[in-house]
Amino acid sequence: MTAAMSKIAEIHKIDANRVVESLRAARKKLDGVNVETVLEFSSVLRVDPRALCELEALAILADESNDRICLLHVNVQIYKVLKLAKLSARFDFRN
């Protein structure tokens, strides 16, 4: 019997003026670390294709480590973009 490891939640505030850089920094911090990841999007109004690529890279990293990433305060427009890009199912959403 193995004991379940608890995870520490790590919140990353995504800067609206530097979305790609913020996501890239969060991905680098999480590589190989056993934490629950929360990305806080309250100041972000839209995502561009480069940000979508970074979000996909985060989803791949989470899949490889069998983790989930939570996106916090995502607006409807961003959610629709993630849905169209077939990325929404790979994240948990909370308000």
PDB file of N, CA and C in Angstrom:
ATOM      1  N   MET A   1       0.844  -1.168   0.000  1.00  0.00           N
ATOM      2  CA  MET A   1       0.000   0.000   0.000  1.00  0.00           C
ATOM      3  C   MET A   1       0.896   1.241   0.000  1.00  0.00           C
ATOM      4  N   THR A   2       0.589   2.187  -0.888  1.00  0.00           N
ATOM      5  CA  THR A   2       1.368   3.419  -0.944  1.00  0.00           C
ATOM      6  C   THR A   2       0.530   4.571  -0.436  1.00  0.00           C
ATOM      7  N   ALA A   3       1.176   5.482   0.212  1.00  0.00           N
ATOM      8  CA  ALA A   3       0.486   6.668   0.726  1.00  0.00           C
ATOM      9  C   ALA A   3       0.353   7.680  -0.396  1.00  0.00           C
ATOM     10  N   ALA A   4      -0.807   8.307  -0.478  1.00  0.00           N
ATOM     11  CA  ALA A   4      -1.032   9.331  -1.489  1.00  0.00           C
ATOM     12  C   ALA A   4      -0.254  10.577  -1.116  1.00  0.00           C
ATOM     13  N   MET A   5       0.441  11.125  -2.097  1.00  0.00           N
ATOM     14  CA  MET A   5       1.197  12.344  -1.845  1.00  0.00           C
ATOM     15  C   MET A   5       0.280  13.541  -2.029  1.00  0.00           C
ATOM     16  N   SER A   6       0.302  14.451  -1.085  1.00  0.00           N
ATOM     17  CA  SER A   6      -0.477  15.662  -1.252  1.00  0.00           C
ATOM     18  C   SER A   6       0.319  16.642  -2.101  1.00  0.00           C
ATOM     19  N   LYS A   7      -0.417  17.458  -2.823  1.00  0.00           N
ATOM     20  CA  LYS A   7       0.229  18.422  -3.700  1.00  0.00           C
ATOM     21  C   LYS A   7       0.073  19.818  -3.136  1.00  0.00           C
ATOM     22  N   ILE A   8       1.062  20.614  -3.368  1.00  0.00           N
ATOM     23  CA  ILE A   8       1.036  22.009  -2.961  1.00  0.00           C
ATOM     24  C   ILE A   8       0.501  22.815  -4.138  1.00  0.00           C
ATOM     25  N   ALA A   9      -0.453  23.691  -3.880  1.00  0.00           N
ATOM     26  CA  ALA A   9      -0.998  24.537  -4.937  1.00  0.00           C
ATOM     27  C   ALA A   9      -0.059  25.711  -5.178  1.00  0.00           C
ATOM     28  N   GLU A  10       0.238  25.937  -6.436  1.00  0.00           N
ATOM     29  CA  GLU A  10       1.078  27.065  -6.815  1.00  0.00           C
ATOM     30  C   GLU A  10       0.292  27.921  -7.797  1.00  0.00           C
ATOM     31  N   ILE A  11       0.069  29.185  -7.421  1.00  0.00           N
ATOM     32  CA  ILE A  11      -0.724  30.091  -8.246  1.00  0.00           C
ATOM     33  C   ILE A  11       0.212  30.994  -9.039  1.00  0.00           C
ATOM     34  N   HIS A  12      -0.057  31.083 -10.337  1.00  0.00           N
ATOM     35  CA  HIS A  12       0.713  31.945 -11.223  1.00  0.00           C
ATOM     36  C   HIS A  12      -0.238  32.977 -11.819  1.00  0.00           C
ATOM     37  N   LYS A  13      -0.024  34.241 -11.498  1.00  0.00           N
ATOM     38  CA  LYS A  13      -0.835  35.309 -12.068  1.00  0.00           C
ATOM     39  C   LYS A  13      -0.319  35.599 -13.472  1.00  0.00           C
ATOM     40  N   ILE A  14      -1.200  35.504 -14.443  1.00  0.00           N
ATOM     41  CA  ILE A  14      -0.826  35.737 -15.839  1.00  0.00           C
ATOM     42  C   ILE A  14      -0.969  37.227 -16.132  1.00  0.00           C
ATOM     43  N   ASP A  15       0.129  37.833 -16.536  1.00  0.00           N
ATOM     44  CA  ASP A  15       0.186  39.263 -16.843  1.00  0.00           C
ATOM     45  C   ASP A  15      -0.462  39.508 -18.205  1.00  0.00           C
ATOM     46  N   ALA A  16      -1.466  40.376 -18.243  1.00  0.00           N
ATOM     47  CA  ALA A  16      -2.192  40.656 -19.487  1.00  0.00           C
ATOM     48  C   ALA A  16      -1.291  41.233 -20.574  1.00  0.00           C
ATOM     49  N   ASN A  17      -0.241  41.943 -20.186  1.00  0.00           N
ATOM     50  CA  ASN A  17       0.662  42.547 -21.168  1.00  0.00           C
ATOM     51  C   ASN A  17       1.770  41.597 -21.609  1.00  0.00           C
ATOM     52  N   ARG A  18       1.914  40.488 -20.906  1.00  0.00           N
ATOM     53  CA  ARG A  18       2.983  39.524 -21.214  1.00  0.00           C
ATOM     54  C   ARG A  18       2.462  38.096 -21.031  1.00  0.00           C
ATOM     55  N   VAL A  19       1.370  37.776 -21.726  1.00  0.00           N
ATOM     56  CA  VAL A  19       0.709  36.483 -21.555  1.00  0.00           C
ATOM     57  C   VAL A  19       1.654  35.337 -21.902  1.00  0.00           C
ATOM     58  N   VAL A  20       2.279  35.400 -23.060  1.00  0.00           N
ATOM     59  CA  VAL A  20       3.163  34.315 -23.498  1.00  0.00           C
ATOM     60  C   VAL A  20       4.320  34.128 -22.528  1.00  0.00           C
ATOM     61  N   GLU A  21       4.942  35.221 -22.136  1.00  0.00           N
ATOM     62  CA  GLU A  21       6.075  35.139 -21.221  1.00  0.00           C
ATOM     63  C   GLU A  21       5.652  34.596 -19.860  1.00  0.00           C
ATOM     64  N   SER A  22       4.484  35.002 -19.381  1.00  0.00           N
ATOM     65  CA  SER A  22       3.975  34.513 -18.097  1.00  0.00           C
ATOM     66  C   SER A  22       3.707  33.011 -18.149  1.00  0.00           C
ATOM     67  N   LEU A  23       3.092  32.556 -19.240  1.00  0.00           N
ATOM     68  CA  LEU A  23       2.808  31.125 -19.387  1.00  0.00           C
ATOM     69  C   LEU A  23       4.096  30.324 -19.519  1.00  0.00           C
ATOM     70  N   ARG A  24       5.050  30.855 -20.258  1.00  0.00           N
ATOM     71  CA  ARG A  24       6.339  30.173 -20.425  1.00  0.00           C
ATOM     72  C   ARG A  24       7.067  30.046 -19.092  1.00  0.00           C
ATOM     73  N   ALA A  25       7.029  31.115 -18.296  1.00  0.00           N
ATOM     74  CA  ALA A  25       7.676  31.085 -16.981  1.00  0.00           C
ATOM     75  C   ALA A  25       6.995  30.060 -16.071  1.00  0.00           C
ATOM     76  N   ALA A  26       5.668  29.988 -16.123  1.00  0.00           N
ATOM     77  CA  ALA A  26       4.943  29.003 -15.316  1.00  0.00           C
ATOM     78  C   ALA A  26       5.309  27.593 -15.755  1.00  0.00           C
ATOM     79  N   ARG A  27       5.414  27.368 -17.058  1.00  0.00           N
ATOM     80  CA  ARG A  27       5.758  26.038 -17.572  1.00  0.00           C
ATOM     81  C   ARG A  27       7.150  25.618 -17.128  1.00  0.00           C
ATOM     82  N   LYS A  28       8.094  26.539 -17.175  1.00  0.00           N
ATOM     83  CA  LYS A  28       9.464  26.218 -16.760  1.00  0.00           C
ATOM     84  C   LYS A  28       9.530  25.886 -15.275  1.00  0.00           C
ATOM     85  N   LYS A  29       8.743  26.587 -14.467  1.00  0.00           N
ATOM     86  CA  LYS A  29       8.722  26.321 -13.028  1.00  0.00           C
ATOM     87  C   LYS A  29       8.117  24.957 -12.716  1.00  0.00           C
ATOM     88  N   LEU A  30       7.178  24.526 -13.542  1.00  0.00           N
ATOM     89  CA  LEU A  30       6.430  23.306 -13.252  1.00  0.00           C
ATOM     90  C   LEU A  30       7.066  22.045 -13.804  1.00  0.00           C
ATOM     91  N   ASP A  31       8.021  22.167 -14.666  1.00  0.00           N
ATOM     92  CA  ASP A  31       8.609  21.004 -15.306  1.00  0.00           C
ATOM     93  C   ASP A  31       9.219  20.071 -14.259  1.00  0.00           C
ATOM     94  N   GLY A  32       8.562  18.924 -14.065  1.00  0.00           N
ATOM     95  CA  GLY A  32       9.063  17.921 -13.136  1.00  0.00           C
ATOM     96  C   GLY A  32       8.713  18.152 -11.676  1.00  0.00           C
ATOM     97  N   VAL A  33       7.936  19.175 -11.365  1.00  0.00           N
ATOM     98  CA  VAL A  33       7.581  19.488  -9.977  1.00  0.00           C
ATOM     99  C   VAL A  33       6.178  18.957  -9.697  1.00  0.00           C
ATOM    100  N   ASN A  34       5.990  18.356  -8.555  1.00  0.00           N
ATOM    101  CA  ASN A  34       4.710  17.769  -8.174  1.00  0.00           C
ATOM    102  C   ASN A  34       3.874  18.792  -7.405  1.00  0.00           C
ATOM    103  N   VAL A  35       3.240  19.711  -8.134  1.00  0.00           N
ATOM    104  CA  VAL A  35       2.400  20.735  -7.516  1.00  0.00           C
ATOM    105  C   VAL A  35       1.080  20.833  -8.275  1.00  0.00           C
ATOM    106  N   GLU A  36       0.068  21.316  -7.594  1.00  0.00           N
ATOM    107  CA  GLU A  36      -1.188  21.630  -8.265  1.00  0.00           C
ATOM    108  C   GLU A  36      -1.030  23.031  -8.836  1.00  0.00           C
ATOM    109  N   THR A  37      -1.227  23.165 -10.108  1.00  0.00           N
ATOM    110  CA  THR A  37      -0.985  24.435 -10.780  1.00  0.00           C
ATOM    111  C   THR A  37      -2.280  25.190 -11.009  1.00  0.00           C
ATOM    112  N   VAL A  38      -2.286  26.455 -10.615  1.00  0.00           N
ATOM    113  CA  VAL A  38      -3.414  27.336 -10.845  1.00  0.00           C
ATOM    114  C   VAL A  38      -2.888  28.550 -11.602  1.00  0.00           C
ATOM    115  N   LEU A  39      -3.465  28.804 -12.772  1.00  0.00           N
ATOM    116  CA  LEU A  39      -3.102  29.975 -13.566  1.00  0.00           C
ATOM    117  C   LEU A  39      -4.232  30.977 -13.461  1.00  0.00           C
ATOM    118  N   GLU A  40      -3.936  32.161 -12.947  1.00  0.00           N
ATOM    119  CA  GLU A  40      -4.939  33.184 -12.665  1.00  0.00           C
ATOM    120  C   GLU A  40      -5.008  34.160 -13.842  1.00  0.00           C
ATOM    121  N   PHE A  41      -6.155  34.170 -14.531  1.00  0.00           N
ATOM    122  CA  PHE A  41      -6.347  34.914 -15.775  1.00  0.00           C
ATOM    123  C   PHE A  41      -7.216  36.163 -15.628  1.00  0.00           C
ATOM    124  N   SER A  42      -7.439  36.671 -14.440  1.00  0.00           N
ATOM    125  CA  SER A  42      -8.405  37.765 -14.266  1.00  0.00           C
ATOM    126  C   SER A  42      -8.072  39.019 -15.067  1.00  0.00           C
ATOM    127  N   SER A  43      -6.807  39.298 -15.314  1.00  0.00           N
ATOM    128  CA  SER A  43      -6.448  40.516 -16.052  1.00  0.00           C
ATOM    129  C   SER A  43      -6.318  40.285 -17.557  1.00  0.00           C
ATOM    130  N   VAL A  44      -6.439  39.037 -17.996  1.00  0.00           N
ATOM    131  CA  VAL A  44      -6.240  38.706 -19.413  1.00  0.00           C
ATOM    132  C   VAL A  44      -7.573  38.776 -20.147  1.00  0.00           C
ATOM    133  N   LEU A  45      -7.616  39.586 -21.216  1.00  0.00           N
ATOM    134  CA  LEU A  45      -8.843  39.742 -21.986  1.00  0.00           C
ATOM    135  C   LEU A  45      -8.888  38.871 -23.232  1.00  0.00           C
ATOM    136  N   ARG A  46      -7.703  38.504 -23.760  1.00  0.00           N
ATOM    137  CA  ARG A  46      -7.671  37.662 -24.957  1.00  0.00           C
ATOM    138  C   ARG A  46      -6.352  36.904 -25.012  1.00  0.00           C
ATOM    139  N   VAL A  47      -6.338  35.842 -25.809  1.00  0.00           N
ATOM    140  CA  VAL A  47      -5.107  35.086 -26.026  1.00  0.00           C
ATOM    141  C   VAL A  47      -4.853  35.019 -27.524  1.00  0.00           C
ATOM    142  N   ASP A  48      -3.588  35.110 -27.894  1.00  0.00           N
ATOM    143  CA  ASP A  48      -3.210  35.034 -29.299  1.00  0.00           C
ATOM    144  C   ASP A  48      -2.697  33.618 -29.605  1.00  0.00           C
ATOM    145  N   PRO A  49      -2.371  33.326 -30.856  1.00  0.00           N
ATOM    146  CA  PRO A  49      -1.905  31.983 -31.209  1.00  0.00           C
ATOM    147  C   PRO A  49      -0.655  31.537 -30.438  1.00  0.00           C
ATOM    148  N   ARG A  50       0.245  32.468 -30.138  1.00  0.00           N
ATOM    149  CA  ARG A  50       1.445  32.088 -29.371  1.00  0.00           C
ATOM    150  C   ARG A  50       1.078  31.667 -27.948  1.00  0.00           C
ATOM    151  N   ALA A  51       0.111  32.372 -27.357  1.00  0.00           N
ATOM    152  CA  ALA A  51      -0.352  32.000 -26.019  1.00  0.00           C
ATOM    153  C   ALA A  51      -1.045  30.634 -26.052  1.00  0.00           C
ATOM    154  N   LEU A  52      -1.788  30.359 -27.123  1.00  0.00           N
ATOM    155  CA  LEU A  52      -2.418  29.042 -27.263  1.00  0.00           C
ATOM    156  C   LEU A  52      -1.365  27.943 -27.334  1.00  0.00           C
ATOM    157  N   CYS A  53      -0.275  28.200 -28.023  1.00  0.00           N
ATOM    158  CA  CYS A  53       0.817  27.217 -28.098  1.00  0.00           C
ATOM    159  C   CYS A  53       1.411  26.960 -26.716  1.00  0.00           C
ATOM    160  N   GLU A  54       1.573  28.008 -25.929  1.00  0.00           N
ATOM    161  CA  GLU A  54       2.095  27.851 -24.573  1.00  0.00           C
ATOM    162  C   GLU A  54       1.114  27.090 -23.687  1.00  0.00           C
ATOM    163  N   LEU A  55      -0.174  27.368 -23.841  1.00  0.00           N
ATOM    164  CA  LEU A  55      -1.177  26.632 -23.078  1.00  0.00           C
ATOM    165  C   LEU A  55      -1.186  25.157 -23.471  1.00  0.00           C
ATOM    166  N   GLU A  56      -1.015  24.880 -24.752  1.00  0.00           N
ATOM    167  CA  GLU A  56      -0.946  23.488 -25.198  1.00  0.00           C
ATOM    168  C   GLU A  56       0.287  22.799 -24.613  1.00  0.00           C
ATOM    169  N   ALA A  57       1.418  23.510 -24.570  1.00  0.00           N
ATOM    170  CA  ALA A  57       2.637  22.947 -23.980  1.00  0.00           C
ATOM    171  C   ALA A  57       2.429  22.652 -22.495  1.00  0.00           C
ATOM    172  N   LEU A  58       1.724  23.523 -21.791  1.00  0.00           N
ATOM    173  CA  LEU A  58       1.400  23.281 -20.383  1.00  0.00           C
ATOM    174  C   LEU A  58       0.503  22.058 -20.236  1.00  0.00           C
ATOM    175  N   ALA A  59      -0.469  21.923 -21.123  1.00  0.00           N
ATOM    176  CA  ALA A  59      -1.371  20.768 -21.071  1.00  0.00           C
ATOM    177  C   ALA A  59      -0.607  19.471 -21.317  1.00  0.00           C
ATOM    178  N   ILE A  60       0.331  19.493 -22.245  1.00  0.00           N
ATOM    179  CA  ILE A  60       1.149  18.309 -22.526  1.00  0.00           C
ATOM    180  C   ILE A  60       1.983  17.953 -21.307  1.00  0.00           C
ATOM    181  N   LEU A  61       2.591  18.956 -20.694  1.00  0.00           N
ATOM    182  CA  LEU A  61       3.393  18.732 -19.492  1.00  0.00           C
ATOM    183  C   LEU A  61       2.542  18.127 -18.379  1.00  0.00           C
ATOM    184  N   ALA A  62       1.329  18.637 -18.211  1.00  0.00           N
ATOM    185  CA  ALA A  62       0.427  18.113 -17.183  1.00  0.00           C
ATOM    186  C   ALA A  62       0.018  16.676 -17.505  1.00  0.00           C
ATOM    187  N   ASP A  63      -0.251  16.398 -18.779  1.00  0.00           N
ATOM    188  CA  ASP A  63      -0.618  15.038 -19.182  1.00  0.00           C
ATOM    189  C   ASP A  63       0.514  14.062 -18.896  1.00  0.00           C
ATOM    190  N   GLU A  64       1.737  14.472 -19.186  1.00  0.00           N
ATOM    191  CA  GLU A  64       2.896  13.600 -18.977  1.00  0.00           C
ATOM    192  C   GLU A  64       3.103  13.266 -17.510  1.00  0.00           C
ATOM    193  N   SER A  65       2.768  14.204 -16.623  1.00  0.00           N
ATOM    194  CA  SER A  65       2.947  13.967 -15.185  1.00  0.00           C
ATOM    195  C   SER A  65       1.640  13.563 -14.502  1.00  0.00           C
ATOM    196  N   ASN A  66       0.598  13.318 -15.337  1.00  0.00           N
ATOM    197  CA  ASN A  66      -0.707  12.898 -14.834  1.00  0.00           C
ATOM    198  C   ASN A  66      -1.284  13.907 -13.845  1.00  0.00           C
ATOM    199  N   ASP A  67      -1.131  15.181 -14.137  1.00  0.00           N
ATOM    200  CA  ASP A  67      -1.653  16.274 -13.319  1.00  0.00           C
ATOM    201  C   ASP A  67      -2.711  17.038 -14.102  1.00  0.00           C
ATOM    202  N   ARG A  68      -3.416  17.901 -13.413  1.00  0.00           N
ATOM    203  CA  ARG A  68      -4.368  18.808 -14.044  1.00  0.00           C
ATOM    204  C   ARG A  68      -3.951  20.235 -13.727  1.00  0.00           C
ATOM    205  N   ILE A  69      -4.255  21.127 -14.629  1.00  0.00           N
ATOM    206  CA  ILE A  69      -3.982  22.547 -14.425  1.00  0.00           C
ATOM    207  C   ILE A  69      -5.321  23.260 -14.340  1.00  0.00           C
ATOM    208  N   CYS A  70      -5.444  24.126 -13.355  1.00  0.00           N
ATOM    209  CA  CYS A  70      -6.664  24.893 -13.163  1.00  0.00           C
ATOM    210  C   CYS A  70      -6.462  26.300 -13.719  1.00  0.00           C
ATOM    211  N   LEU A  71      -7.420  26.751 -14.510  1.00  0.00           N
ATOM    212  CA  LEU A  71      -7.416  28.124 -15.006  1.00  0.00           C
ATOM    213  C   LEU A  71      -8.472  28.885 -14.223  1.00  0.00           C
ATOM    214  N   LEU A  72      -8.047  29.954 -13.591  1.00  0.00           N
ATOM    215  CA  LEU A  72      -8.898  30.721 -12.685  1.00  0.00           C
ATOM    216  C   LEU A  72      -9.308  32.041 -13.338  1.00  0.00           C
ATOM    217  N   HIS A  73     -10.582  32.369 -13.256  1.00  0.00           N
ATOM    218  CA  HIS A  73     -11.134  33.642 -13.756  1.00  0.00           C
ATOM    219  C   HIS A  73     -10.910  33.836 -15.255  1.00  0.00           C
ATOM    220  N   VAL A  74     -11.148  32.802 -16.037  1.00  0.00           N
ATOM    221  CA  VAL A  74     -11.048  32.899 -17.501  1.00  0.00           C
ATOM    222  C   VAL A  74     -12.347  33.502 -18.016  1.00  0.00           C
ATOM    223  N   ASN A  75     -12.228  34.523 -18.874  1.00  0.00           N
ATOM    224  CA  ASN A  75     -13.446  35.127 -19.404  1.00  0.00           C
ATOM    225  C   ASN A  75     -14.052  34.249 -20.511  1.00  0.00           C
ATOM    226  N   VAL A  76     -15.272  34.549 -20.898  1.00  0.00           N
ATOM    227  CA  VAL A  76     -16.011  33.721 -21.863  1.00  0.00           C
ATOM    228  C   VAL A  76     -15.307  33.674 -23.211  1.00  0.00           C
ATOM    229  N   GLN A  77     -14.746  34.804 -23.650  1.00  0.00           N
ATOM    230  CA  GLN A  77     -14.079  34.834 -24.947  1.00  0.00           C
ATOM    231  C   GLN A  77     -12.868  33.896 -24.976  1.00  0.00           C
ATOM    232  N   ILE A  78     -12.072  33.907 -23.920  1.00  0.00           N
ATOM    233  CA  ILE A  78     -10.910  33.023 -23.859  1.00  0.00           C
ATOM    234  C   ILE A  78     -11.369  31.571 -23.794  1.00  0.00           C
ATOM    235  N   TYR A  79     -12.416  31.302 -23.013  1.00  0.00           N
ATOM    236  CA  TYR A  79     -12.931  29.938 -22.932  1.00  0.00           C
ATOM    237  C   TYR A  79     -13.368  29.449 -24.312  1.00  0.00           C
ATOM    238  N   LYS A  80     -14.043  30.302 -25.070  1.00  0.00           N
ATOM    239  CA  LYS A  80     -14.492  29.912 -26.414  1.00  0.00           C
ATOM    240  C   LYS A  80     -13.305  29.593 -27.325  1.00  0.00           C
ATOM    241  N   VAL A  81     -12.242  30.386 -27.219  1.00  0.00           N
ATOM    242  CA  VAL A  81     -11.041  30.127 -28.015  1.00  0.00           C
ATOM    243  C   VAL A  81     -10.428  28.785 -27.626  1.00  0.00           C
ATOM    244  N   LEU A  82     -10.347  28.516 -26.326  1.00  0.00           N
ATOM    245  CA  LEU A  82      -9.810  27.235 -25.860  1.00  0.00           C
ATOM    246  C   LEU A  82     -10.687  26.075 -26.320  1.00  0.00           C
ATOM    247  N   LYS A  83     -11.986  26.283 -26.337  1.00  0.00           N
ATOM    248  CA  LYS A  83     -12.917  25.253 -26.804  1.00  0.00           C
ATOM    249  C   LYS A  83     -12.701  24.972 -28.291  1.00  0.00           C
ATOM    250  N   LEU A  84     -12.583  26.031 -29.087  1.00  0.00           N
ATOM    251  CA  LEU A  84     -12.360  25.876 -30.530  1.00  0.00           C
ATOM    252  C   LEU A  84     -11.015  25.213 -30.830  1.00  0.00           C
ATOM    253  N   ALA A  85     -10.027  25.487 -29.977  1.00  0.00           N
ATOM    254  CA  ALA A  85      -8.698  24.899 -30.160  1.00  0.00           C
ATOM    255  C   ALA A  85      -8.609  23.496 -29.552  1.00  0.00           C
ATOM    256  N   LYS A  86      -9.735  23.015 -29.026  1.00  0.00           N
ATOM    257  CA  LYS A  86      -9.803  21.680 -28.398  1.00  0.00           C
ATOM    258  C   LYS A  86      -8.848  21.545 -27.215  1.00  0.00           C
ATOM    259  N   LEU A  87      -8.698  22.631 -26.472  1.00  0.00           N
ATOM    260  CA  LEU A  87      -7.856  22.627 -25.274  1.00  0.00           C
ATOM    261  C   LEU A  87      -8.666  22.692 -23.980  1.00  0.00           C
ATOM    262  N   SER A  88      -9.922  23.082 -24.060  1.00  0.00           N
ATOM    263  CA  SER A  88     -10.698  23.308 -22.836  1.00  0.00           C
ATOM    264  C   SER A  88     -10.840  22.045 -21.992  1.00  0.00           C
ATOM    265  N   ALA A  89     -10.953  20.892 -22.603  1.00  0.00           N
ATOM    266  CA  ALA A  89     -11.123  19.645 -21.844  1.00  0.00           C
ATOM    267  C   ALA A  89      -9.855  19.251 -21.072  1.00  0.00           C
ATOM    268  N   ARG A  90      -8.742  19.868 -21.412  1.00  0.00           N
ATOM    269  CA  ARG A  90      -7.468  19.512 -20.770  1.00  0.00           C
ATOM    270  C   ARG A  90      -7.178  20.347 -19.534  1.00  0.00           C
ATOM    271  N   PHE A  91      -8.087  21.288 -19.204  1.00  0.00           N
ATOM    272  CA  PHE A  91      -7.909  22.149 -18.053  1.00  0.00           C
ATOM    273  C   PHE A  91      -9.155  22.096 -17.164  1.00  0.00           C
ATOM    274  N   ASP A  92      -8.982  22.446 -15.892  1.00  0.00           N
ATOM    275  CA  ASP A  92     -10.102  22.669 -14.988  1.00  0.00           C
ATOM    276  C   ASP A  92     -10.314  24.172 -14.927  1.00  0.00           C
ATOM    277  N   PHE A  93     -11.567  24.598 -14.838  1.00  0.00           N
ATOM    278  CA  PHE A  93     -11.885  26.018 -14.787  1.00  0.00           C
ATOM    279  C   PHE A  93     -12.590  26.345 -13.476  1.00  0.00           C
ATOM    280  N   ARG A  94     -12.179  27.457 -12.856  1.00  0.00           N
ATOM    281  CA  ARG A  94     -12.818  27.931 -11.618  1.00  0.00           C
ATOM    282  C   ARG A  94     -12.923  29.441 -11.672  1.00  0.00           C
ATOM    283  N   ASN A  95     -13.936  29.943 -11.000  1.00  0.00           N
ATOM    284  CA  ASN A  95     -14.103  31.394 -10.887  1.00  0.00           C
ATOM    285  C   ASN A  95     -13.870  31.849  -9.483  1.00  0.00           C
TER     286      ASN A  95
END
